[in-house]
Amino acid sequence: MSLTAIPLEFEKYLQNQISVGDGPDMNEMIFAYIPDLDLAQPIDREQGLPDISLWVHQQDIDQVGKLGDNALVYSVVIPGSVASFTFNAIYLRDKNVPSSCGMVVHKVEETKEDGMTSTKSLMQQYNGAAQIAGINVDAATWQINYQARLFGIEDDMRLANLDNYGHTAFVDGFDITQQADPTKYAISAGIAYVGGLRAVLDAEVIQTINTKPNGLYLDVVRTGTVLSEWQNVVTVRLSEVELSDYVDANQQQHYVAKLAGINADGSITDWRVKGGLGEHEAASDPHPQYLKSQAHLSASDPHGQYLTRADWLKHMLFKGMPMSAVGPDPDPDIWLPAGRVELLRADYPTVFEIVSASALFTDQATIDADPRAYAGHWGTGDGATSFTTDDWALMMNIKVAGGYGAAGSTKEDHIQNITGTVGARDSVASATGAFEAVVWASDVDANAIGSGYGFNFDASRVARTDTYTDTMGIFLDHYRVIPKGVFSYA
């Protein structure tokens, strides 16, 4: 974690530089150690550089480049010959101008080790920075510092292990046996996860225990330097008082697990929390370190937002989804043959458990007496060993609910009602609905004697139609009625 700010004194410095025709010149980087630095508090922009007694290293800027039009990157390379120093604050300034601090960074404590070459870069951002400072060189990749990112990646891995294994999980080994010398105890090689760190004991360890009762603990810490390989250091510790996780004098986090209790008579009480991922997942409360509400712990289904296998099956059975067998290897307790089929309850225990508890589980004799009315229902079968599925072939309106009927009910298909009226008097014709009044010439029909009026019947005026629906009509001339389509003489 780090905080950054541009002090107010830089704004005054920038104005003065511009007023005399110069640009800002951040030419030095200062490293400091601020005692009791609180990263939870914002940087006070009223302050500039700290007291010189807090400075631990200062160095001229090695490279400056622009990052777009509004940001400048200042970089230094600290040689390996520079002695070790620890810092938690970095500053930019123009060393030739007092009160010219251009940037303040507060960060977690860091140590530049002996013999280590370190690169540090700061990005200063304000409107028009590149043009005002006269910088036209783009920042290059040497300015990237990967240390903080690597530490973050490692801690993510530790937290992932913590989620999978909990604080303590002895996966293998770490068996303890008393030796011929009653003060000697052997701890076998083994693997465990403690605090998310993988703890490996490569070889047997002999522990001398002169005072009893006592306790054995596993102490694991991840340590290393920038120039060395980081590793988890495993130590077996003896303590008469219970040990727990702690931070040492070097600010390194140690994770502690209980290994065994050595009783007054020399016997051993195994304290190991055993198990790998399978045992962890099966535990009733595998993460006691996380706060949980009592309601969550006591709930029969604390994660009801997730669809369970039974919920999915209920959806398939009662929401109109066919259950015919599909796939190369269908689950025999889920996929069902379509249509009214009698099945053995023992062969489909999950399906039977769900349907037998539903309102759609109906006496078989009732279904057989009116198969269409009860097409959406499941039957009791022989009443002991079997049951029957719903019948898709007879469902005209499949298990609908709402305005069309109750869940599980069926409806016959019906033609939509088609209505209309016609009227004719003298030379005036009128029509409504599916009828249309028209005037036809005598050549409309070979049997017509003269011109007249008539009516077209078109169902699409009031109902859904397709190409199979025929248009019908009646022609009335002055002397007789001539039918068309479905109409005929009465």
Protein backbone atom coordinates (compact mmCIF):
# COMPACT_ATOMS: atom_id res chain seq x y z
CA MET A 1 0.00 0.00 0.00
CA SER A 2 1.23 3.52 -0.78
CA LEU A 3 -0.03 7.10 -0.73
CA THR A 4 1.06 9.89 -3.07
CA ALA A 5 0.56 13.66 -3.14
CA ILE A 6 1.95 16.82 -4.74
CA PRO A 7 2.69 19.36 -1.96
CA LEU A 8 1.32 22.91 -2.15
CA GLU A 9 4.88 24.29 -2.20
CA PHE A 10 5.38 22.68 -5.64
CA GLU A 11 2.56 24.82 -7.04
CA LYS A 12 4.37 27.97 -5.87
CA TYR A 13 7.68 26.65 -7.18
CA LEU A 14 6.10 25.87 -10.57
CA GLN A 15 4.61 29.36 -10.87
CA ASN A 16 7.98 30.97 -10.04
CA GLN A 17 9.79 28.83 -12.60
CA ILE A 18 7.29 29.68 -15.34
CA SER A 19 7.41 33.41 -14.45
CA VAL A 20 11.17 33.54 -15.19
CA GLY A 21 10.84 31.44 -18.33
CA ASP A 22 12.04 28.14 -16.87
CA GLY A 23 10.35 24.78 -16.43
CA PRO A 24 10.34 22.61 -13.31
CA ASP A 25 13.52 20.61 -12.70
CA MET A 26 12.96 17.68 -10.34
CA ASN A 27 16.59 16.51 -10.21
CA GLU A 28 16.88 14.60 -6.91
CA MET A 29 15.10 11.72 -5.17
CA ILE A 30 15.26 11.51 -1.37
CA PHE A 31 14.54 8.37 0.67
CA ALA A 32 13.50 8.76 4.30
CA TYR A 33 12.34 6.69 7.24
CA ILE A 34 9.39 8.29 9.10
CA PRO A 35 8.83 6.71 12.55
CA ASP A 36 5.26 5.62 13.31
CA LEU A 37 4.10 6.39 9.76
CA ASP A 38 0.36 5.73 9.50
CA LEU A 39 -0.65 4.70 5.98
CA ALA A 40 -4.30 5.07 6.93
CA GLN A 41 -3.85 8.86 7.14
CA PRO A 42 -3.72 11.03 4.00
CA ILE A 43 -0.58 13.00 3.22
CA ASP A 44 -0.63 16.59 4.51
CA ARG A 45 -0.06 18.77 1.43
CA GLU A 46 1.01 21.65 3.65
CA GLN A 47 4.26 19.78 4.38
CA GLY A 48 7.26 19.33 2.13
CA LEU A 49 10.49 17.49 2.87
CA PRO A 50 10.93 15.87 6.32
CA ASP A 51 13.71 16.85 8.71
CA ILE A 52 17.11 15.98 7.26
CA SER A 53 17.77 13.70 10.23
CA LEU A 54 15.16 11.30 8.76
CA TRP A 55 16.87 11.08 5.37
CA VAL A 56 18.51 7.68 4.74
CA HIS A 57 19.58 8.13 1.11
CA GLN A 58 19.53 10.78 -1.61
CA GLN A 59 20.45 10.45 -5.25
CA ASP A 60 20.35 12.48 -8.45
CA ILE A 61 17.66 11.56 -10.98
CA ASP A 62 19.08 9.20 -13.61
CA GLN A 63 16.28 9.39 -16.14
CA VAL A 64 13.09 11.35 -16.77
CA GLY A 65 10.46 10.59 -19.40
CA LYS A 66 6.87 11.48 -20.18
CA LEU A 67 3.90 9.18 -19.78
CA GLY A 68 1.39 10.89 -22.03
CA ASP A 69 1.00 14.66 -21.98
CA ASN A 70 0.15 15.06 -18.30
CA ALA A 71 2.57 12.79 -16.44
CA LEU A 72 6.34 12.61 -15.94
CA VAL A 73 8.28 9.59 -14.66
CA TYR A 74 11.49 10.15 -12.65
CA SER A 75 13.80 7.18 -12.13
CA VAL A 76 16.96 6.37 -10.16
CA VAL A 77 19.12 3.25 -10.15
CA ILE A 78 20.63 2.65 -6.70
CA PRO A 79 23.93 0.75 -7.14
CA GLY A 80 24.70 -2.42 -5.22
CA SER A 81 27.66 -0.63 -3.65
CA VAL A 82 25.29 1.59 -1.64
CA ALA A 83 25.02 0.35 1.94
CA SER A 84 21.78 -1.18 3.18
CA PHE A 85 19.04 1.24 4.25
CA THR A 86 15.38 1.00 5.22
CA PHE A 87 12.79 3.54 4.08
CA ASN A 88 9.04 4.17 4.05
CA ALA A 89 8.89 7.55 2.26
CA ILE A 90 10.25 8.95 -1.03
CA TYR A 91 10.42 12.60 -2.17
CA LEU A 92 11.19 14.51 -5.39
CA ARG A 93 12.77 17.96 -5.32
CA ASP A 94 14.85 20.54 -7.19
CA LYS A 95 18.02 20.47 -5.07
CA ASN A 96 18.95 23.94 -6.32
CA VAL A 97 15.75 25.58 -5.03
CA PRO A 98 14.63 25.51 -1.37
CA SER A 99 10.98 24.59 -0.72
CA SER A 100 10.60 22.86 -4.08
CA CYS A 101 9.32 19.45 -3.05
CA GLY A 102 7.44 18.13 -6.07
CA MET A 103 6.09 14.81 -4.80
CA VAL A 104 5.64 12.80 -1.59
CA VAL A 105 5.17 9.01 -1.38
CA HIS A 106 4.32 7.15 1.83
CA LYS A 107 4.67 3.38 1.54
CA VAL A 108 5.13 0.15 3.47
CA GLU A 109 8.56 -0.27 4.99
CA GLU A 110 11.20 -1.52 2.55
CA THR A 111 14.89 -2.35 2.82
CA LYS A 112 17.48 -1.91 0.10
CA GLU A 113 19.84 -4.81 0.79
CA ASP A 114 23.66 -4.79 0.63
CA GLY A 115 24.90 -5.73 -2.83
CA MET A 116 21.46 -5.22 -4.34
CA THR A 117 20.88 -2.91 -7.29
CA SER A 118 17.48 -1.28 -7.01
CA THR A 119 15.47 0.84 -9.43
CA LYS A 120 12.86 3.29 -8.14
CA SER A 121 10.51 5.39 -10.25
CA LEU A 122 7.96 8.04 -9.32
CA MET A 123 5.21 9.37 -11.58
CA GLN A 124 4.30 13.04 -11.11
CA GLN A 125 1.03 14.06 -12.76
CA TYR A 126 -0.46 17.49 -13.52
CA ASN A 127 -2.00 19.17 -16.57
CA GLY A 128 0.48 19.84 -19.36
CA ALA A 129 3.39 18.37 -17.37
CA ALA A 130 5.40 17.18 -20.38
CA GLN A 131 5.13 20.49 -22.27
CA ILE A 132 5.81 22.65 -19.20
CA ALA A 133 8.90 20.63 -18.24
CA GLY A 134 10.04 20.39 -21.87
CA ILE A 135 10.20 16.58 -21.78
CA ASN A 136 9.54 14.72 -25.03
CA VAL A 137 11.16 11.34 -24.27
CA ASP A 138 8.74 8.49 -23.53
CA ALA A 139 9.23 6.56 -20.29
CA ALA A 140 10.92 3.17 -20.84
CA THR A 141 10.48 -0.25 -19.26
CA TRP A 142 13.47 0.02 -16.86
CA GLN A 143 11.25 2.13 -14.63
CA ILE A 144 9.00 -0.80 -13.63
CA ASN A 145 9.45 -2.18 -10.08
CA TYR A 146 7.97 -5.65 -9.71
CA GLN A 147 8.67 -6.21 -6.00
CA ALA A 148 5.29 -5.07 -4.66
CA ARG A 149 3.44 -7.03 -7.34
CA LEU A 150 5.37 -10.23 -6.58
CA PHE A 151 4.60 -9.93 -2.87
CA GLY A 152 0.92 -9.47 -3.78
CA ILE A 153 0.91 -12.57 -5.99
CA GLU A 154 2.50 -14.67 -3.23
CA ASP A 155 -0.05 -13.52 -0.67
CA ASP A 156 -2.89 -14.32 -3.08
CA MET A 157 -1.53 -17.88 -3.31
CA ARG A 158 -1.34 -18.13 0.49
CA LEU A 159 -4.94 -16.95 0.83
CA ALA A 160 -6.06 -19.49 -1.78
CA ASN A 161 -4.45 -22.25 0.28
CA LEU A 162 -6.12 -20.85 3.39
CA ASP A 163 -9.50 -21.06 1.66
CA ASN A 164 -8.87 -24.65 0.61
CA TYR A 165 -7.22 -26.06 3.73
CA GLY A 166 -8.11 -23.72 6.58
CA HIS A 167 -5.48 -22.46 9.00
CA THR A 168 -4.09 -25.94 9.76
CA ALA A 169 -4.15 -29.18 7.78
CA PHE A 170 -1.60 -31.97 8.34
CA VAL A 171 -1.67 -33.80 5.02
CA ASP A 172 1.00 -36.43 5.63
CA GLY A 173 3.61 -37.42 8.21
CA PHE A 174 4.61 -35.46 11.36
CA ASP A 175 4.10 -38.61 13.44
CA ILE A 176 5.68 -38.46 16.91
CA THR A 177 7.20 -41.43 18.75
CA GLN A 178 9.06 -41.63 22.05
CA GLN A 179 12.56 -43.09 21.78
CA ALA A 180 14.45 -45.51 24.07
CA ASP A 181 15.75 -42.43 25.87
CA PRO A 182 12.48 -41.16 27.45
CA THR A 183 13.59 -37.54 26.93
CA LYS A 184 13.90 -38.02 23.16
CA TYR A 185 10.98 -37.80 20.73
CA ALA A 186 11.18 -38.34 16.98
CA ILE A 187 9.07 -36.24 14.60
CA SER A 188 8.80 -37.86 11.17
CA ALA A 189 9.08 -36.03 7.86
CA GLY A 190 5.79 -34.69 6.58
CA ILE A 191 3.69 -32.10 4.77
CA ALA A 192 1.22 -29.66 6.28
CA TYR A 193 -0.49 -26.36 5.47
CA VAL A 194 -0.25 -23.74 8.20
CA GLY A 195 -1.70 -20.26 7.72
CA GLY A 196 -1.84 -20.96 3.98
CA LEU A 197 1.90 -21.73 3.77
CA ARG A 198 3.01 -25.19 2.65
CA ALA A 199 5.21 -26.58 5.41
CA VAL A 200 7.54 -29.44 4.44
CA LEU A 201 9.76 -31.30 6.92
CA ASP A 202 12.25 -33.13 4.70
CA ALA A 203 13.78 -35.41 7.32
CA GLU A 204 13.10 -36.77 10.79
CA VAL A 205 13.75 -34.40 13.69
CA ILE A 206 14.73 -35.51 17.21
CA GLN A 207 13.40 -33.25 19.96
CA THR A 208 14.73 -33.39 23.52
CA ILE A 209 12.03 -32.80 26.16
CA ASN A 210 13.23 -32.68 29.74
CA THR A 211 10.22 -30.95 31.28
CA LYS A 212 6.76 -32.52 31.23
CA PRO A 213 3.94 -31.83 30.58
CA ASN A 214 4.87 -29.79 27.53
CA GLY A 215 3.72 -29.00 24.02
CA LEU A 216 5.14 -29.30 20.51
CA TYR A 217 4.23 -26.73 17.86
CA LEU A 218 4.97 -26.20 14.17
CA ASP A 219 6.25 -22.68 13.35
CA VAL A 220 6.23 -21.64 9.66
CA VAL A 221 7.51 -18.35 8.18
CA ARG A 222 8.16 -17.34 4.57
CA THR A 223 11.45 -15.53 4.31
CA GLY A 224 14.25 -14.54 1.95
CA THR A 225 15.97 -11.54 0.39
CA VAL A 226 15.61 -9.78 -2.92
CA LEU A 227 18.66 -11.62 -4.23
CA SER A 228 17.77 -15.03 -2.80
CA GLU A 229 15.11 -17.67 -3.31
CA TRP A 230 12.20 -17.26 -0.92
CA GLN A 231 11.17 -20.34 1.04
CA ASN A 232 8.92 -21.48 3.88
CA VAL A 233 11.09 -22.15 6.93
CA VAL A 234 9.65 -24.85 9.22
CA THR A 235 10.66 -25.06 12.89
CA VAL A 236 9.44 -27.44 15.60
CA ARG A 237 9.07 -25.49 18.85
CA LEU A 238 8.66 -26.69 22.43
CA SER A 239 6.53 -24.60 24.79
CA GLU A 240 4.73 -25.19 28.08
CA VAL A 241 2.27 -22.39 27.18
CA GLU A 242 0.09 -22.46 24.10
CA LEU A 243 1.63 -20.74 21.07
CA SER A 244 -0.23 -18.89 18.31
CA ASP A 245 0.52 -16.82 15.20
CA TYR A 246 2.87 -13.88 15.79
CA VAL A 247 5.06 -11.23 14.12
CA ASP A 248 8.78 -11.35 15.01
CA ALA A 249 11.22 -8.51 15.64
CA ASN A 250 11.97 -8.29 11.89
CA GLN A 251 8.27 -7.77 11.13
CA GLN A 252 7.95 -11.22 9.60
CA GLN A 253 4.65 -13.06 10.02
CA HIS A 254 4.87 -16.53 11.62
CA TYR A 255 2.03 -19.06 11.48
CA VAL A 256 1.81 -21.66 14.28
CA ALA A 257 0.02 -25.03 14.43
CA LYS A 258 -0.41 -27.37 17.41
CA LEU A 259 1.50 -30.61 16.86
CA ALA A 260 1.30 -32.74 20.04
CA GLY A 261 1.03 -32.61 23.79
CA ILE A 262 3.63 -34.44 25.90
CA ASN A 263 1.94 -35.59 29.10
CA ALA A 264 3.54 -35.82 32.58
CA ASP A 265 4.01 -39.58 32.19
CA GLY A 266 5.73 -39.10 28.82
CA SER A 267 2.76 -40.28 26.74
CA ILE A 268 1.75 -38.38 23.61
CA THR A 269 -1.56 -36.65 22.82
CA ASP A 270 -1.96 -36.02 19.10
CA TRP A 271 -3.02 -32.40 18.47
CA ARG A 272 -2.76 -32.49 14.69
CA VAL A 273 -5.67 -31.25 12.63
CA LYS A 274 -5.42 -33.88 9.92
CA GLY A 275 -6.69 -33.92 6.39
CA GLY A 276 -6.32 -32.60 2.90
CA LEU A 277 -8.90 -30.84 0.78
CA GLY A 278 -11.52 -33.61 1.02
CA GLU A 279 -11.54 -33.64 4.81
CA HIS A 280 -11.59 -29.85 4.87
CA GLU A 281 -14.66 -29.67 2.63
CA ALA A 282 -16.45 -32.29 4.72
CA ALA A 283 -15.89 -30.41 7.99
CA SER A 284 -18.97 -28.85 9.58
CA ASP A 285 -17.12 -25.54 10.06
CA PRO A 286 -13.88 -25.63 8.05
CA HIS A 287 -13.24 -21.90 8.48
CA PRO A 288 -13.65 -21.05 12.16
CA GLN A 289 -11.50 -17.97 11.60
CA TYR A 290 -14.33 -16.33 9.63
CA LEU A 291 -17.23 -14.68 11.47
CA LYS A 292 -20.61 -16.22 10.69
CA SER A 293 -24.08 -15.33 11.87
CA GLN A 294 -25.97 -17.90 13.93
CA ALA A 295 -28.78 -17.76 11.38
CA HIS A 296 -26.33 -18.77 8.65
CA LEU A 297 -24.91 -21.64 10.69
CA SER A 298 -28.32 -23.02 11.64
CA ALA A 299 -29.97 -22.61 8.24
CA SER A 300 -30.88 -25.84 6.47
CA ASP A 301 -29.94 -24.20 3.16
CA PRO A 302 -27.72 -21.16 3.88
CA HIS A 303 -26.95 -20.79 0.17
CA GLY A 304 -30.45 -20.90 -1.27
CA GLN A 305 -29.40 -18.70 -4.18
CA TYR A 306 -27.67 -21.68 -5.75
CA LEU A 307 -29.77 -24.15 -7.77
CA THR A 308 -29.38 -27.64 -6.31
CA ARG A 309 -29.75 -30.88 -8.29
CA ALA A 310 -33.15 -31.46 -6.69
CA ASP A 311 -34.27 -27.90 -7.49
CA TRP A 312 -33.23 -28.36 -11.11
CA LEU A 313 -35.13 -31.63 -11.31
CA LYS A 314 -38.26 -30.00 -9.86
CA HIS A 315 -37.97 -27.31 -12.51
CA MET A 316 -37.74 -29.94 -15.23
CA LEU A 317 -40.64 -31.98 -13.87
CA PHE A 318 -43.14 -29.21 -13.13
CA LYS A 319 -42.25 -26.33 -15.48
CA GLY A 320 -42.98 -28.02 -18.77
CA MET A 321 -39.58 -29.47 -19.69
CA PRO A 322 -39.54 -32.91 -21.39
CA MET A 323 -37.56 -35.58 -19.56
CA SER A 324 -36.86 -37.93 -22.45
CA ALA A 325 -33.49 -39.70 -22.32
CA VAL A 326 -30.75 -37.71 -24.04
CA GLY A 327 -26.97 -37.71 -24.15
CA PRO A 328 -24.48 -40.55 -24.37
CA ASP A 329 -24.67 -41.38 -20.66
CA PRO A 330 -27.91 -40.05 -19.15
CA ASP A 331 -28.39 -40.17 -15.39
CA PRO A 332 -30.83 -43.07 -14.85
CA ASP A 333 -32.37 -41.26 -11.89
CA ILE A 334 -33.17 -38.11 -13.86
CA TRP A 335 -33.83 -38.76 -17.55
CA LEU A 336 -37.25 -40.32 -18.16
CA PRO A 337 -39.02 -41.81 -21.18
CA ALA A 338 -41.71 -39.55 -22.61
CA GLY A 339 -45.44 -40.35 -22.47
CA ARG A 340 -47.51 -42.18 -19.86
CA VAL A 341 -45.02 -44.83 -18.75
CA GLU A 342 -44.99 -46.97 -15.62
CA LEU A 343 -41.63 -46.90 -13.82
CA LEU A 344 -40.27 -48.64 -10.76
CA ARG A 345 -39.87 -46.36 -7.74
CA ALA A 346 -36.59 -48.06 -6.82
CA ASP A 347 -35.12 -47.22 -10.25
CA TYR A 348 -36.01 -43.51 -9.99
CA PRO A 349 -35.80 -42.65 -6.27
CA THR A 350 -35.05 -38.93 -6.74
CA VAL A 351 -37.85 -38.39 -9.24
CA PHE A 352 -40.34 -40.36 -7.14
CA GLU A 353 -39.40 -38.47 -3.96
CA ILE A 354 -40.17 -35.16 -5.65
CA VAL A 355 -43.35 -36.06 -7.55
CA SER A 356 -44.88 -38.05 -4.67
CA ALA A 357 -44.66 -34.93 -2.48
CA SER A 358 -46.33 -32.69 -5.07
CA ALA A 359 -49.98 -31.78 -5.62
CA LEU A 360 -49.78 -33.45 -9.05
CA PHE A 361 -49.34 -36.97 -7.61
CA THR A 362 -52.76 -38.51 -8.30
CA ASP A 363 -54.43 -41.86 -7.75
CA GLN A 364 -53.85 -44.04 -10.79
CA ALA A 365 -57.52 -45.04 -11.09
CA THR A 366 -58.52 -41.36 -11.31
CA ILE A 367 -56.02 -40.77 -14.10
CA ASP A 368 -57.05 -43.90 -16.01
CA ALA A 369 -60.72 -42.85 -15.86
CA ASP A 370 -60.00 -39.51 -17.62
CA PRO A 371 -56.47 -39.59 -19.15
CA ARG A 372 -56.83 -36.27 -20.96
CA ALA A 373 -58.02 -34.28 -17.94
CA TYR A 374 -55.12 -35.62 -15.85
CA ALA A 375 -52.46 -35.68 -18.58
CA GLY A 376 -50.28 -33.32 -16.55
CA HIS A 377 -50.40 -35.47 -13.42
CA TRP A 378 -48.14 -38.24 -12.14
CA GLY A 379 -49.81 -41.50 -11.19
CA THR A 380 -49.47 -43.72 -8.12
CA GLY A 381 -48.89 -46.76 -10.31
CA ASP A 382 -49.55 -50.00 -8.48
CA GLY A 383 -49.56 -48.07 -5.21
CA ALA A 384 -46.48 -49.86 -3.86
CA THR A 385 -43.54 -50.36 -6.22
CA SER A 386 -44.28 -48.25 -9.30
CA PHE A 387 -45.52 -44.86 -10.50
CA THR A 388 -46.47 -43.38 -13.88
CA THR A 389 -45.17 -40.31 -15.68
CA ASP A 390 -47.25 -37.47 -17.05
CA ASP A 391 -48.51 -37.84 -20.64
CA TRP A 392 -47.19 -35.27 -23.08
CA ALA A 393 -49.16 -36.62 -26.01
CA LEU A 394 -52.48 -35.68 -24.32
CA MET A 395 -51.46 -32.28 -23.01
CA MET A 396 -53.02 -29.56 -25.16
CA ASN A 397 -51.83 -26.77 -22.90
CA ILE A 398 -48.91 -28.15 -20.93
CA LYS A 399 -49.01 -27.61 -17.15
CA VAL A 400 -49.79 -23.94 -17.40
CA ALA A 401 -50.53 -21.62 -14.51
CA GLY A 402 -52.10 -18.17 -14.31
CA GLY A 403 -54.82 -16.96 -16.64
CA TYR A 404 -54.96 -20.27 -18.53
CA GLY A 405 -55.56 -22.55 -15.55
CA ALA A 406 -53.97 -24.17 -12.54
CA ALA A 407 -50.56 -25.85 -12.69
CA GLY A 408 -50.98 -29.41 -13.96
CA SER A 409 -54.28 -28.73 -15.70
CA THR A 410 -54.82 -29.26 -19.42
CA LYS A 411 -57.02 -27.54 -22.01
CA GLU A 412 -58.47 -28.70 -25.32
CA ASP A 413 -57.46 -26.72 -28.36
CA HIS A 414 -60.28 -24.53 -29.79
CA ILE A 415 -60.70 -22.47 -32.92
CA GLN A 416 -60.82 -18.75 -32.29
CA ASN A 417 -64.30 -17.26 -32.48
CA ILE A 418 -65.02 -15.48 -35.78
CA THR A 419 -67.88 -12.98 -35.83
CA GLY A 420 -69.40 -10.42 -38.17
CA THR A 421 -72.68 -9.03 -39.55
CA VAL A 422 -73.97 -8.22 -43.05
CA GLY A 423 -76.87 -6.16 -44.32
CA ALA A 424 -78.29 -5.21 -47.74
CA ARG A 425 -81.16 -2.94 -48.74
CA ASP A 426 -81.83 -1.53 -52.19
CA SER A 427 -78.38 -0.60 -53.46
CA VAL A 428 -76.70 -0.17 -50.08
CA ALA A 429 -74.61 -2.91 -48.40
CA SER A 430 -73.04 -2.85 -44.95
CA ALA A 431 -70.79 -5.31 -43.06
CA THR A 432 -68.78 -5.65 -39.83
CA GLY A 433 -66.24 -8.04 -38.34
CA ALA A 434 -65.00 -10.72 -40.71
CA PHE A 435 -67.32 -9.48 -43.51
CA GLU A 436 -66.52 -6.78 -46.05
CA ALA A 437 -69.15 -5.12 -48.26
CA VAL A 438 -68.11 -4.72 -51.91
CA VAL A 439 -69.63 -3.76 -55.23
CA TRP A 440 -69.02 -6.34 -57.95
CA ALA A 441 -69.36 -5.94 -61.70
CA SER A 442 -71.35 -8.49 -63.69
CA ASP A 443 -68.16 -10.19 -64.93
CA VAL A 444 -67.16 -11.27 -61.42
CA ASP A 445 -69.09 -14.49 -61.87
CA ALA A 446 -70.26 -16.19 -65.06
CA ASN A 447 -73.72 -16.68 -63.61
CA ALA A 448 -74.22 -12.99 -62.77
CA ILE A 449 -76.86 -11.14 -64.80
CA GLY A 450 -75.85 -7.60 -63.93
CA SER A 451 -73.79 -5.53 -61.54
CA GLY A 452 -74.61 -5.68 -57.85
CA TYR A 453 -73.16 -5.73 -54.40
CA GLY A 454 -71.79 -8.50 -52.21
CA PHE A 455 -69.81 -9.49 -49.18
CA ASN A 456 -66.35 -10.94 -48.69
CA PHE A 457 -65.69 -13.14 -45.66
CA ASP A 458 -62.07 -12.88 -44.46
CA ALA A 459 -61.19 -14.57 -41.12
CA SER A 460 -57.90 -12.67 -40.86
CA ARG A 461 -59.92 -9.56 -39.97
CA VAL A 462 -60.59 -10.96 -36.49
CA ALA A 463 -58.41 -14.06 -36.04
CA ARG A 464 -54.94 -15.41 -36.72
CA THR A 465 -54.76 -17.12 -40.11
CA ASP A 466 -52.28 -18.91 -42.29
CA THR A 467 -52.04 -19.68 -46.01
CA TYR A 468 -54.38 -22.62 -45.49
CA THR A 469 -57.31 -20.33 -44.62
CA ASP A 470 -59.54 -19.74 -47.70
CA THR A 471 -61.34 -16.48 -48.43
CA MET A 472 -65.12 -16.86 -48.71
CA GLY A 473 -67.76 -14.56 -50.10
CA ILE A 474 -71.38 -14.04 -51.20
CA PHE A 475 -72.36 -12.21 -54.38
CA LEU A 476 -75.80 -10.62 -54.56
CA ASP A 477 -77.00 -9.36 -57.92
CA HIS A 478 -80.43 -7.89 -58.52
CA TYR A 479 -82.06 -11.25 -58.95
CA ARG A 480 -80.31 -13.94 -56.93
CA VAL A 481 -77.57 -14.89 -54.39
CA ILE A 482 -74.39 -16.49 -55.79
CA PRO A 483 -72.25 -18.27 -53.10
CA LYS A 484 -68.43 -18.51 -53.08
CA GLY A 485 -65.93 -20.43 -50.89
CA VAL A 486 -67.60 -22.34 -48.04
CA PHE A 487 -71.00 -20.82 -48.72
CA SER A 488 -73.66 -22.68 -50.61
CA TYR A 489 -77.34 -22.32 -51.46
CA ALA A 490 -79.68 -23.12 -48.58
